[in-house]
Amino acid sequence: MTRDQELWGMAATLLRHHGDKAPLRVAERIGALAMRGEMGGVELWREVARRMLALTGEAGKA
């Protein structure tokens, strides 16, 4: 499995498990990682967020 496939899988799983609250969960995760200075983690979760937006059709609205 490629990294891209893993990121799409993470996005889909978050949406399935958290529904409308998935973006909030991702934002919380990004915030926590940023506060700890873990910029690699921040970028990973931003990539997940982009894919979530694409899956929900919100990408053009952001």
N, C-alpha and C. Protein backbone atom coordinates (compact mmCIF):
# COMPACT_ATOMS: atom_id res chain seq x y z
N MET A 1 0.85 -1.17 0.00
CA MET A 1 0.00 0.00 0.00
C MET A 1 0.90 1.24 0.00
N THR A 2 0.55 2.21 -0.83
CA THR A 2 1.33 3.44 -0.90
C THR A 2 0.92 4.39 0.22
N ARG A 3 1.75 5.39 0.45
CA ARG A 3 1.42 6.42 1.46
C ARG A 3 0.13 7.13 1.07
N ASP A 4 -0.02 7.42 -0.21
CA ASP A 4 -1.23 8.09 -0.68
C ASP A 4 -2.47 7.24 -0.36
N GLN A 5 -2.39 5.96 -0.61
CA GLN A 5 -3.51 5.07 -0.29
C GLN A 5 -3.79 5.04 1.21
N GLU A 6 -2.74 5.04 2.01
CA GLU A 6 -2.92 5.07 3.47
C GLU A 6 -3.64 6.35 3.91
N LEU A 7 -3.24 7.48 3.33
CA LEU A 7 -3.88 8.76 3.69
C LEU A 7 -5.35 8.78 3.29
N TRP A 8 -5.67 8.27 2.10
CA TRP A 8 -7.08 8.18 1.69
C TRP A 8 -7.84 7.26 2.63
N GLY A 9 -7.21 6.17 3.03
CA GLY A 9 -7.85 5.25 3.96
C GLY A 9 -8.09 5.88 5.32
N MET A 10 -7.13 6.66 5.80
CA MET A 10 -7.31 7.36 7.07
C MET A 10 -8.48 8.32 6.98
N ALA A 11 -8.55 9.08 5.89
CA ALA A 11 -9.63 10.05 5.71
C ALA A 11 -10.98 9.34 5.69
N ALA A 12 -11.08 8.27 4.94
CA ALA A 12 -12.34 7.53 4.84
C ALA A 12 -12.74 6.93 6.19
N THR A 13 -11.77 6.39 6.91
CA THR A 13 -12.05 5.79 8.21
C THR A 13 -12.52 6.84 9.21
N LEU A 14 -11.87 7.99 9.23
CA LEU A 14 -12.30 9.07 10.13
C LEU A 14 -13.72 9.50 9.83
N LEU A 15 -14.05 9.65 8.56
CA LEU A 15 -15.41 10.04 8.19
C LEU A 15 -16.42 8.98 8.60
N ARG A 16 -16.06 7.73 8.42
CA ARG A 16 -16.96 6.63 8.78
C ARG A 16 -17.19 6.57 10.29
N HIS A 17 -16.14 6.76 11.06
CA HIS A 17 -16.24 6.64 12.51
C HIS A 17 -16.77 7.89 13.20
N HIS A 18 -16.45 9.07 12.66
CA HIS A 18 -16.80 10.31 13.35
C HIS A 18 -17.84 11.16 12.62
N GLY A 19 -18.16 10.79 11.39
CA GLY A 19 -19.18 11.52 10.64
C GLY A 19 -18.88 13.00 10.55
N ASP A 20 -19.88 13.82 10.86
CA ASP A 20 -19.74 15.28 10.76
C ASP A 20 -18.69 15.85 11.70
N LYS A 21 -18.33 15.10 12.72
CA LYS A 21 -17.33 15.58 13.68
C LYS A 21 -15.89 15.26 13.25
N ALA A 22 -15.73 14.55 12.15
CA ALA A 22 -14.39 14.18 11.68
C ALA A 22 -13.48 15.38 11.47
N PRO A 23 -13.95 16.46 10.82
CA PRO A 23 -13.05 17.62 10.66
C PRO A 23 -12.60 18.21 11.99
N LEU A 24 -13.47 18.21 12.98
CA LEU A 24 -13.09 18.70 14.30
C LEU A 24 -12.02 17.82 14.91
N ARG A 25 -12.17 16.51 14.79
CA ARG A 25 -11.16 15.59 15.33
C ARG A 25 -9.80 15.84 14.69
N VAL A 26 -9.80 16.03 13.37
CA VAL A 26 -8.54 16.28 12.67
C VAL A 26 -7.95 17.62 13.10
N ALA A 27 -8.78 18.64 13.22
CA ALA A 27 -8.29 19.96 13.65
C ALA A 27 -7.69 19.88 15.05
N GLU A 28 -8.34 19.14 15.94
CA GLU A 28 -7.80 18.97 17.30
C GLU A 28 -6.44 18.29 17.25
N ARG A 29 -6.33 17.28 16.40
CA ARG A 29 -5.07 16.54 16.27
C ARG A 29 -3.97 17.45 15.74
N ILE A 30 -4.30 18.23 14.71
CA ILE A 30 -3.32 19.16 14.14
C ILE A 30 -2.88 20.17 15.20
N GLY A 31 -3.82 20.70 15.95
CA GLY A 31 -3.50 21.68 16.99
C GLY A 31 -2.59 21.10 18.06
N ALA A 32 -2.89 19.89 18.50
CA ALA A 32 -2.08 19.25 19.54
C ALA A 32 -0.66 19.00 19.04
N LEU A 33 -0.54 18.53 17.82
CA LEU A 33 0.79 18.27 17.25
C LEU A 33 1.57 19.57 17.07
N ALA A 34 0.90 20.62 16.62
CA ALA A 34 1.55 21.91 16.42
C ALA A 34 2.07 22.46 17.74
N MET A 35 1.28 22.31 18.79
CA MET A 35 1.70 22.81 20.11
C MET A 35 2.95 22.09 20.61
N ARG A 36 3.11 20.83 20.19
CA ARG A 36 4.29 20.06 20.59
C ARG A 36 5.45 20.25 19.61
N GLY A 37 5.20 21.02 18.55
CA GLY A 37 6.25 21.26 17.57
C GLY A 37 6.50 20.10 16.62
N GLU A 38 5.55 19.20 16.52
CA GLU A 38 5.69 18.02 15.66
C GLU A 38 5.15 18.34 14.26
N MET A 39 5.97 19.08 13.50
CA MET A 39 5.51 19.59 12.22
C MET A 39 5.32 18.49 11.17
N GLY A 40 6.05 17.40 11.29
CA GLY A 40 5.82 16.27 10.39
C GLY A 40 4.43 15.69 10.58
N GLY A 41 4.01 15.59 11.83
CA GLY A 41 2.67 15.11 12.13
C GLY A 41 1.60 16.08 11.67
N VAL A 42 1.88 17.37 11.83
CA VAL A 42 0.94 18.39 11.37
C VAL A 42 0.72 18.24 9.88
N GLU A 43 1.81 18.09 9.12
CA GLU A 43 1.67 17.97 7.67
C GLU A 43 0.91 16.70 7.29
N LEU A 44 1.17 15.60 7.97
CA LEU A 44 0.45 14.36 7.69
C LEU A 44 -1.05 14.56 7.87
N TRP A 45 -1.44 15.16 8.99
CA TRP A 45 -2.87 15.35 9.26
C TRP A 45 -3.49 16.39 8.36
N ARG A 46 -2.70 17.36 7.88
CA ARG A 46 -3.22 18.31 6.89
C ARG A 46 -3.53 17.58 5.58
N GLU A 47 -2.68 16.62 5.24
CA GLU A 47 -2.93 15.81 4.04
C GLU A 47 -4.21 14.99 4.20
N VAL A 48 -4.40 14.45 5.39
CA VAL A 48 -5.64 13.70 5.67
C VAL A 48 -6.84 14.64 5.54
N ALA A 49 -6.71 15.84 6.09
CA ALA A 49 -7.81 16.82 6.02
C ALA A 49 -8.15 17.15 4.57
N ARG A 50 -7.14 17.33 3.73
CA ARG A 50 -7.40 17.63 2.31
C ARG A 50 -8.18 16.49 1.65
N ARG A 51 -7.83 15.29 1.98
CA ARG A 51 -8.53 14.14 1.40
C ARG A 51 -9.95 14.03 1.93
N MET A 52 -10.14 14.35 3.21
CA MET A 52 -11.51 14.34 3.76
C MET A 52 -12.37 15.36 3.02
N LEU A 53 -11.82 16.54 2.77
CA LEU A 53 -12.57 17.56 2.03
C LEU A 53 -12.93 17.07 0.64
N ALA A 54 -11.99 16.39 -0.01
CA ALA A 54 -12.27 15.86 -1.34
C ALA A 54 -13.37 14.79 -1.29
N LEU A 55 -13.33 13.94 -0.29
CA LEU A 55 -14.33 12.87 -0.16
C LEU A 55 -15.72 13.41 0.12
N THR A 56 -15.79 14.53 0.81
CA THR A 56 -17.10 15.09 1.17
C THR A 56 -17.58 16.13 0.17
N GLY A 57 -16.77 16.42 -0.84
CA GLY A 57 -17.15 17.41 -1.83
C GLY A 57 -16.98 18.83 -1.36
N GLU A 58 -16.26 19.02 -0.27
CA GLU A 58 -16.06 20.35 0.30
C GLU A 58 -14.77 21.00 -0.20
N ALA A 59 -13.98 20.30 -0.99
CA ALA A 59 -12.66 20.81 -1.38
C ALA A 59 -12.74 22.14 -2.11
N GLY A 60 -13.71 22.32 -2.96
CA GLY A 60 -13.83 23.57 -3.70
C GLY A 60 -14.34 24.72 -2.86
N LYS A 61 -14.86 24.42 -1.69
CA LYS A 61 -15.44 25.45 -0.82
C LYS A 61 -14.45 25.97 0.21
N ALA A 62 -13.33 25.25 0.40
CA ALA A 62 -12.36 25.63 1.44
C ALA A 62 -11.47 26.76 0.98
